[in-house]
Amino acid sequence: AAVEAMDLSGETEETKKLYGIDRPETKDFGTRCLIARRMVERGVRFVQVFTQNQFWDHHGSILKSLPNACMKVDQPSAALVTDLKRRGLIDETIVHWGGEMGRLPVIQNDTGKQNIGRDHNTYGFTQWVAGGGFKGGYVHGATDDFSHKAVEDIVNHYDYHHTLFHLFGLDPEGLYFEHNGQKRRLVQTDQSKVITKLLA
């Protein structure tokens, strides 16, 4: 079944073009996103799509590398959401797009315009989600005037995970793993909440 899910020969040219498989700069990530859609169609419950290499790690040469990174993923990411929607799968699928951190709003590696970059920032960064019960067309939260730190409607990992469990229909009190002889919950309900503003 896995081999069949990765066989794109039965996909229409229109679909391949939607994902950017016809263009060298979007072919790799577009192929990955299309395979992800095919896996969702076949009942795979969790699919993670990676980019090739670490082209988001912009400690240097950000003026060139950031536009190139965006060019590689923008069209395929939008295509995945569009394709899931037109196939009637978006309401039962959550698409989460993001990483573990953002970038600081200050220059790193100031050794000339072509070399500058941005260091890691864990205090304020962006993720986007679509489908699966999340509210569409909604922007949640804001950073300070320097885009350094989240200051409004801050979302921490605990609250986000609690919200995902809610949308999955899972009881966070009932799911746990054992570690060193103790039951550990995946979501600490006494330290987190469902972010109702994010829900449709």
C-alpha atoms as a PDB file:
ATOM      1  CA  ALA A   1       0.000   0.000   0.000  1.00  0.00           C
ATOM      2  CA  ALA A   2       2.880   2.376   0.752  1.00  0.00           C
ATOM      3  CA  VAL A   3       4.377   1.895  -2.706  1.00  0.00           C
ATOM      4  CA  GLU A   4       1.010   2.609  -4.329  1.00  0.00           C
ATOM      5  CA  ALA A   5       0.540   5.769  -2.240  1.00  0.00           C
ATOM      6  CA  MET A   6       3.847   7.103  -3.518  1.00  0.00           C
ATOM      7  CA  ASP A   7       3.138   6.304  -7.159  1.00  0.00           C
ATOM      8  CA  LEU A   8       2.099   9.602  -8.741  1.00  0.00           C
ATOM      9  CA  SER A   9       1.621   8.217 -12.250  1.00  0.00           C
ATOM     10  CA  GLY A  10      -2.171   8.225 -11.872  1.00  0.00           C
ATOM     11  CA  GLU A  11      -2.329  11.883 -10.861  1.00  0.00           C
ATOM     12  CA  THR A  12      -3.526  14.353 -13.479  1.00  0.00           C
ATOM     13  CA  GLU A  13      -1.185  16.885 -15.009  1.00  0.00           C
ATOM     14  CA  GLU A  14      -3.403  19.614 -13.540  1.00  0.00           C
ATOM     15  CA  THR A  15      -2.833  18.238 -10.043  1.00  0.00           C
ATOM     16  CA  LYS A  16       0.919  17.921 -10.561  1.00  0.00           C
ATOM     17  CA  LYS A  17       1.035  21.485 -11.834  1.00  0.00           C
ATOM     18  CA  LEU A  18      -1.034  22.664  -8.857  1.00  0.00           C
ATOM     19  CA  TYR A  19       1.685  21.332  -6.534  1.00  0.00           C
ATOM     20  CA  GLY A  20       4.481  22.784  -8.687  1.00  0.00           C
ATOM     21  CA  ILE A  21       5.901  19.420  -9.693  1.00  0.00           C
ATOM     22  CA  ASP A  22       6.454  20.840 -13.183  1.00  0.00           C
ATOM     23  CA  ARG A  23       8.921  23.456 -11.847  1.00  0.00           C
ATOM     24  CA  PRO A  24      12.418  22.593 -10.578  1.00  0.00           C
ATOM     25  CA  GLU A  25      12.251  24.964  -7.601  1.00  0.00           C
ATOM     26  CA  THR A  26       8.993  23.466  -6.253  1.00  0.00           C
ATOM     27  CA  LYS A  27       9.254  19.886  -7.531  1.00  0.00           C
ATOM     28  CA  ASP A  28      10.787  18.345  -4.390  1.00  0.00           C
ATOM     29  CA  PHE A  29       8.468  19.843  -1.766  1.00  0.00           C
ATOM     30  CA  GLY A  30       5.511  19.654  -4.145  1.00  0.00           C
ATOM     31  CA  THR A  31       6.064  15.923  -4.567  1.00  0.00           C
ATOM     32  CA  ARG A  32       6.236  15.496  -0.794  1.00  0.00           C
ATOM     33  CA  CYS A  33       2.992  17.439  -0.292  1.00  0.00           C
ATOM     34  CA  LEU A  34       1.190  15.449  -2.989  1.00  0.00           C
ATOM     35  CA  ILE A  35       2.326  12.181  -1.401  1.00  0.00           C
ATOM     36  CA  ALA A  36       1.050  13.528   1.928  1.00  0.00           C
ATOM     37  CA  ARG A  37      -2.384  14.093   0.385  1.00  0.00           C
ATOM     38  CA  ARG A  38      -2.371  10.580  -1.046  1.00  0.00           C
ATOM     39  CA  MET A  39      -1.479   9.159   2.369  1.00  0.00           C
ATOM     40  CA  VAL A  40      -4.323  11.083   4.031  1.00  0.00           C
ATOM     41  CA  GLU A  41      -6.715   9.728   1.380  1.00  0.00           C
ATOM     42  CA  ARG A  42      -5.616   6.210   2.290  1.00  0.00           C
ATOM     43  CA  GLY A  43      -6.301   6.661   5.984  1.00  0.00           C
ATOM     44  CA  VAL A  44      -2.859   7.486   7.350  1.00  0.00           C
ATOM     45  CA  ARG A  45      -3.588   9.379  10.552  1.00  0.00           C
ATOM     46  CA  PHE A  46      -0.346  11.332  10.974  1.00  0.00           C
ATOM     47  CA  VAL A  47       1.825  12.569   8.123  1.00  0.00           C
ATOM     48  CA  GLN A  48       4.872  14.788   8.558  1.00  0.00           C
ATOM     49  CA  VAL A  49       6.323  16.558   5.530  1.00  0.00           C
ATOM     50  CA  PHE A  50       9.930  17.697   5.789  1.00  0.00           C
ATOM     51  CA  THR A  51      11.843  20.085   3.587  1.00  0.00           C
ATOM     52  CA  GLN A  52      15.044  18.894   2.014  1.00  0.00           C
ATOM     53  CA  ASN A  53      18.050  20.055   4.051  1.00  0.00           C
ATOM     54  CA  GLN A  54      17.815  22.928   6.552  1.00  0.00           C
ATOM     55  CA  PHE A  55      17.107  25.808   4.229  1.00  0.00           C
ATOM     56  CA  TRP A  56      15.259  27.769   6.951  1.00  0.00           C
ATOM     57  CA  ASP A  57      18.349  28.141   9.159  1.00  0.00           C
ATOM     58  CA  HIS A  58      19.280  31.675   8.093  1.00  0.00           C
ATOM     59  CA  HIS A  59      22.291  32.573  10.239  1.00  0.00           C
ATOM     60  CA  GLY A  60      23.815  34.067   7.103  1.00  0.00           C
ATOM     61  CA  SER A  61      22.917  35.106   3.547  1.00  0.00           C
ATOM     62  CA  ILE A  62      19.273  35.669   4.486  1.00  0.00           C
ATOM     63  CA  LEU A  63      18.641  38.153   1.675  1.00  0.00           C
ATOM     64  CA  LYS A  64      19.125  35.337  -0.830  1.00  0.00           C
ATOM     65  CA  SER A  65      18.215  32.230   1.156  1.00  0.00           C
ATOM     66  CA  LEU A  66      14.875  33.351   2.638  1.00  0.00           C
ATOM     67  CA  PRO A  67      13.213  34.223  -0.706  1.00  0.00           C
ATOM     68  CA  ASN A  68      14.539  30.932  -2.135  1.00  0.00           C
ATOM     69  CA  ALA A  69      13.106  28.960   0.790  1.00  0.00           C
ATOM     70  CA  CYS A  70       9.718  30.641   0.449  1.00  0.00           C
ATOM     71  CA  MET A  71       9.687  29.986  -3.291  1.00  0.00           C
ATOM     72  CA  LYS A  72      10.229  26.255  -2.665  1.00  0.00           C
ATOM     73  CA  VAL A  73       7.341  25.789  -0.219  1.00  0.00           C
ATOM     74  CA  ASP A  74       4.652  28.434  -0.793  1.00  0.00           C
ATOM     75  CA  GLN A  75       2.954  26.923  -3.846  1.00  0.00           C
ATOM     76  CA  PRO A  76       3.073  23.279  -2.664  1.00  0.00           C
ATOM     77  CA  SER A  77       1.783  24.213   0.812  1.00  0.00           C
ATOM     78  CA  ALA A  78      -1.150  26.136  -0.653  1.00  0.00           C
ATOM     79  CA  ALA A  79      -1.791  23.282  -3.088  1.00  0.00           C
ATOM     80  CA  LEU A  80      -2.035  20.754  -0.262  1.00  0.00           C
ATOM     81  CA  VAL A  81      -4.739  22.777   1.500  1.00  0.00           C
ATOM     82  CA  THR A  82      -6.561  23.474  -1.786  1.00  0.00           C
ATOM     83  CA  ASP A  83      -6.450  19.826  -2.843  1.00  0.00           C
ATOM     84  CA  LEU A  84      -7.643  18.530   0.533  1.00  0.00           C
ATOM     85  CA  LYS A  85     -10.500  21.029   0.393  1.00  0.00           C
ATOM     86  CA  ARG A  86     -11.652  20.154  -3.110  1.00  0.00           C
ATOM     87  CA  ARG A  87     -11.581  16.441  -2.250  1.00  0.00           C
ATOM     88  CA  GLY A  88     -13.699  16.961   0.861  1.00  0.00           C
ATOM     89  CA  LEU A  89     -10.893  16.036   3.264  1.00  0.00           C
ATOM     90  CA  ILE A  90     -10.007  19.377   4.857  1.00  0.00           C
ATOM     91  CA  ASP A  91     -12.663  19.276   7.581  1.00  0.00           C
ATOM     92  CA  GLU A  92     -11.264  16.022   8.944  1.00  0.00           C
ATOM     93  CA  THR A  93      -7.598  16.906   8.414  1.00  0.00           C
ATOM     94  CA  ILE A  94      -5.480  19.388  10.347  1.00  0.00           C
ATOM     95  CA  VAL A  95      -2.638  20.928   8.371  1.00  0.00           C
ATOM     96  CA  HIS A  96      -0.043  22.487  10.674  1.00  0.00           C
ATOM     97  CA  TRP A  97       2.789  24.428   9.063  1.00  0.00           C
ATOM     98  CA  GLY A  98       5.743  25.636  11.095  1.00  0.00           C
ATOM     99  CA  GLY A  99       8.921  24.885  12.922  1.00  0.00           C
ATOM    100  CA  GLU A 100      10.230  25.021  16.437  1.00  0.00           C
ATOM    101  CA  MET A 101      11.332  28.669  16.421  1.00  0.00           C
ATOM    102  CA  GLY A 102      11.424  31.933  14.534  1.00  0.00           C
ATOM    103  CA  ARG A 103      14.222  34.380  13.776  1.00  0.00           C
ATOM    104  CA  LEU A 104      15.313  37.440  15.731  1.00  0.00           C
ATOM    105  CA  PRO A 105      14.493  40.870  14.287  1.00  0.00           C
ATOM    106  CA  VAL A 106      18.146  41.944  14.560  1.00  0.00           C
ATOM    107  CA  ILE A 107      21.093  41.314  12.256  1.00  0.00           C
ATOM    108  CA  GLN A 108      23.522  38.485  12.904  1.00  0.00           C
ATOM    109  CA  ASN A 109      26.846  38.094  11.107  1.00  0.00           C
ATOM    110  CA  ASP A 110      27.195  41.754  10.108  1.00  0.00           C
ATOM    111  CA  THR A 111      30.109  41.252   7.708  1.00  0.00           C
ATOM    112  CA  GLY A 112      28.529  42.764   4.642  1.00  0.00           C
ATOM    113  CA  LYS A 113      25.064  42.945   3.152  1.00  0.00           C
ATOM    114  CA  GLN A 114      25.255  39.582   1.383  1.00  0.00           C
ATOM    115  CA  ASN A 115      26.354  37.748   4.560  1.00  0.00           C
ATOM    116  CA  ILE A 116      23.854  38.999   7.132  1.00  0.00           C
ATOM    117  CA  GLY A 117      21.435  36.633   8.809  1.00  0.00           C
ATOM    118  CA  ARG A 118      19.144  36.243  11.812  1.00  0.00           C
ATOM    119  CA  ASP A 119      19.649  34.143  14.931  1.00  0.00           C
ATOM    120  CA  HIS A 120      17.022  31.908  16.586  1.00  0.00           C
ATOM    121  CA  ASN A 121      14.017  33.434  18.350  1.00  0.00           C
ATOM    122  CA  THR A 122      11.811  31.356  20.644  1.00  0.00           C
ATOM    123  CA  TYR A 123       9.861  34.337  22.015  1.00  0.00           C
ATOM    124  CA  GLY A 124       7.787  35.230  18.986  1.00  0.00           C
ATOM    125  CA  PHE A 125       7.184  33.338  15.758  1.00  0.00           C
ATOM    126  CA  THR A 126       4.482  32.245  13.371  1.00  0.00           C
ATOM    127  CA  GLN A 127       2.745  28.966  12.637  1.00  0.00           C
ATOM    128  CA  TRP A 128      -0.312  28.460  10.464  1.00  0.00           C
ATOM    129  CA  VAL A 129      -3.021  25.846  10.575  1.00  0.00           C
ATOM    130  CA  ALA A 130      -5.888  24.900   8.302  1.00  0.00           C
ATOM    131  CA  GLY A 131      -8.851  22.564   8.472  1.00  0.00           C
ATOM    132  CA  GLY A 132      -9.877  20.104  11.146  1.00  0.00           C
ATOM    133  CA  GLY A 133     -11.997  22.513  13.160  1.00  0.00           C
ATOM    134  CA  PHE A 134      -9.656  25.506  13.179  1.00  0.00           C
ATOM    135  CA  LYS A 135     -11.139  28.884  12.297  1.00  0.00           C
ATOM    136  CA  GLY A 136     -10.224  29.961   8.765  1.00  0.00           C
ATOM    137  CA  GLY A 137      -8.997  33.430   7.797  1.00  0.00           C
ATOM    138  CA  TYR A 138      -8.157  34.311  11.385  1.00  0.00           C
ATOM    139  CA  VAL A 139      -4.964  35.856  12.774  1.00  0.00           C
ATOM    140  CA  HIS A 140      -4.317  35.117  16.445  1.00  0.00           C
ATOM    141  CA  GLY A 141      -1.820  37.001  18.586  1.00  0.00           C
ATOM    142  CA  ALA A 142       0.709  39.746  18.006  1.00  0.00           C
ATOM    143  CA  THR A 143       4.308  40.573  18.827  1.00  0.00           C
ATOM    144  CA  ASP A 144       5.777  43.750  20.261  1.00  0.00           C
ATOM    145  CA  ASP A 145       6.666  46.677  17.996  1.00  0.00           C
ATOM    146  CA  PHE A 146      10.049  45.094  17.226  1.00  0.00           C
ATOM    147  CA  SER A 147       8.626  41.651  16.311  1.00  0.00           C
ATOM    148  CA  HIS A 148      10.784  40.167  19.048  1.00  0.00           C
ATOM    149  CA  LYS A 149       8.350  38.780  21.604  1.00  0.00           C
ATOM    150  CA  ALA A 150       4.716  37.678  21.589  1.00  0.00           C
ATOM    151  CA  VAL A 151       2.655  40.084  23.700  1.00  0.00           C
ATOM    152  CA  GLU A 152      -0.976  39.476  22.741  1.00  0.00           C
ATOM    153  CA  ASP A 153      -2.954  36.195  22.825  1.00  0.00           C
ATOM    154  CA  ILE A 154       0.224  34.247  23.514  1.00  0.00           C
ATOM    155  CA  VAL A 155       0.025  30.553  22.636  1.00  0.00           C
ATOM    156  CA  ASN A 156       2.355  28.185  24.456  1.00  0.00           C
ATOM    157  CA  HIS A 157       2.993  24.558  23.541  1.00  0.00           C
ATOM    158  CA  TYR A 158       0.819  23.232  26.351  1.00  0.00           C
ATOM    159  CA  ASP A 159      -2.243  25.192  25.234  1.00  0.00           C
ATOM    160  CA  TYR A 160      -1.696  24.294  21.584  1.00  0.00           C
ATOM    161  CA  HIS A 161      -1.423  20.586  22.394  1.00  0.00           C
ATOM    162  CA  HIS A 162      -4.529  20.778  24.595  1.00  0.00           C
ATOM    163  CA  THR A 163      -6.370  22.410  21.674  1.00  0.00           C
ATOM    164  CA  LEU A 164      -5.213  19.663  19.298  1.00  0.00           C
ATOM    165  CA  PHE A 165      -6.418  16.971  21.694  1.00  0.00           C
ATOM    166  CA  HIS A 166      -9.794  18.712  21.839  1.00  0.00           C
ATOM    167  CA  LEU A 167     -10.038  18.741  18.035  1.00  0.00           C
ATOM    168  CA  PHE A 168      -8.894  15.112  17.826  1.00  0.00           C
ATOM    169  CA  GLY A 169     -11.659  14.176  20.251  1.00  0.00           C
ATOM    170  CA  LEU A 170      -9.117  12.744  22.687  1.00  0.00           C
ATOM    171  CA  ASP A 171      -9.390  12.898  26.464  1.00  0.00           C
ATOM    172  CA  PRO A 172      -6.094  14.374  27.709  1.00  0.00           C
ATOM    173  CA  GLU A 173      -6.747  12.891  31.148  1.00  0.00           C
ATOM    174  CA  GLY A 174      -6.924   9.393  29.708  1.00  0.00           C
ATOM    175  CA  LEU A 175      -3.792   9.404  27.560  1.00  0.00           C
ATOM    176  CA  TYR A 176      -0.481   8.883  29.301  1.00  0.00           C
ATOM    177  CA  PHE A 177       2.849   7.114  29.035  1.00  0.00           C
ATOM    178  CA  GLU A 178       4.883   5.448  31.740  1.00  0.00           C
ATOM    179  CA  HIS A 179       8.315   6.829  32.595  1.00  0.00           C
ATOM    180  CA  ASN A 180      10.403   5.729  35.583  1.00  0.00           C
ATOM    181  CA  GLY A 181       7.409   3.922  37.013  1.00  0.00           C
ATOM    182  CA  GLN A 182       5.166   6.987  36.849  1.00  0.00           C
ATOM    183  CA  LYS A 183       2.222   7.777  34.618  1.00  0.00           C
ATOM    184  CA  ARG A 184       2.940  10.932  32.624  1.00  0.00           C
ATOM    185  CA  ARG A 185       0.232  12.698  30.668  1.00  0.00           C
ATOM    186  CA  LEU A 186       0.905  14.043  27.198  1.00  0.00           C
ATOM    187  CA  VAL A 187      -1.094  17.166  28.111  1.00  0.00           C
ATOM    188  CA  GLN A 188      -1.010  18.613  31.618  1.00  0.00           C
ATOM    189  CA  THR A 189      -4.618  19.750  31.943  1.00  0.00           C
ATOM    190  CA  ASP A 190      -3.912  21.630  35.164  1.00  0.00           C
ATOM    191  CA  GLN A 191      -1.363  23.765  33.285  1.00  0.00           C
ATOM    192  CA  SER A 192      -3.115  24.233  29.945  1.00  0.00           C
ATOM    193  CA  LYS A 193      -6.386  25.123  28.269  1.00  0.00           C
ATOM    194  CA  VAL A 194      -8.174  24.835  24.934  1.00  0.00           C
ATOM    195  CA  ILE A 195      -7.689  28.039  22.925  1.00  0.00           C
ATOM    196  CA  THR A 196     -11.308  28.567  21.962  1.00  0.00           C
ATOM    197  CA  LYS A 197     -10.529  31.634  19.814  1.00  0.00           C
ATOM    198  CA  LEU A 198      -8.830  29.304  17.330  1.00  0.00           C
ATOM    199  CA  LEU A 199     -11.864  27.086  16.879  1.00  0.00           C
ATOM    200  CA  ALA A 200     -14.368  27.378  14.031  1.00  0.00           C
END
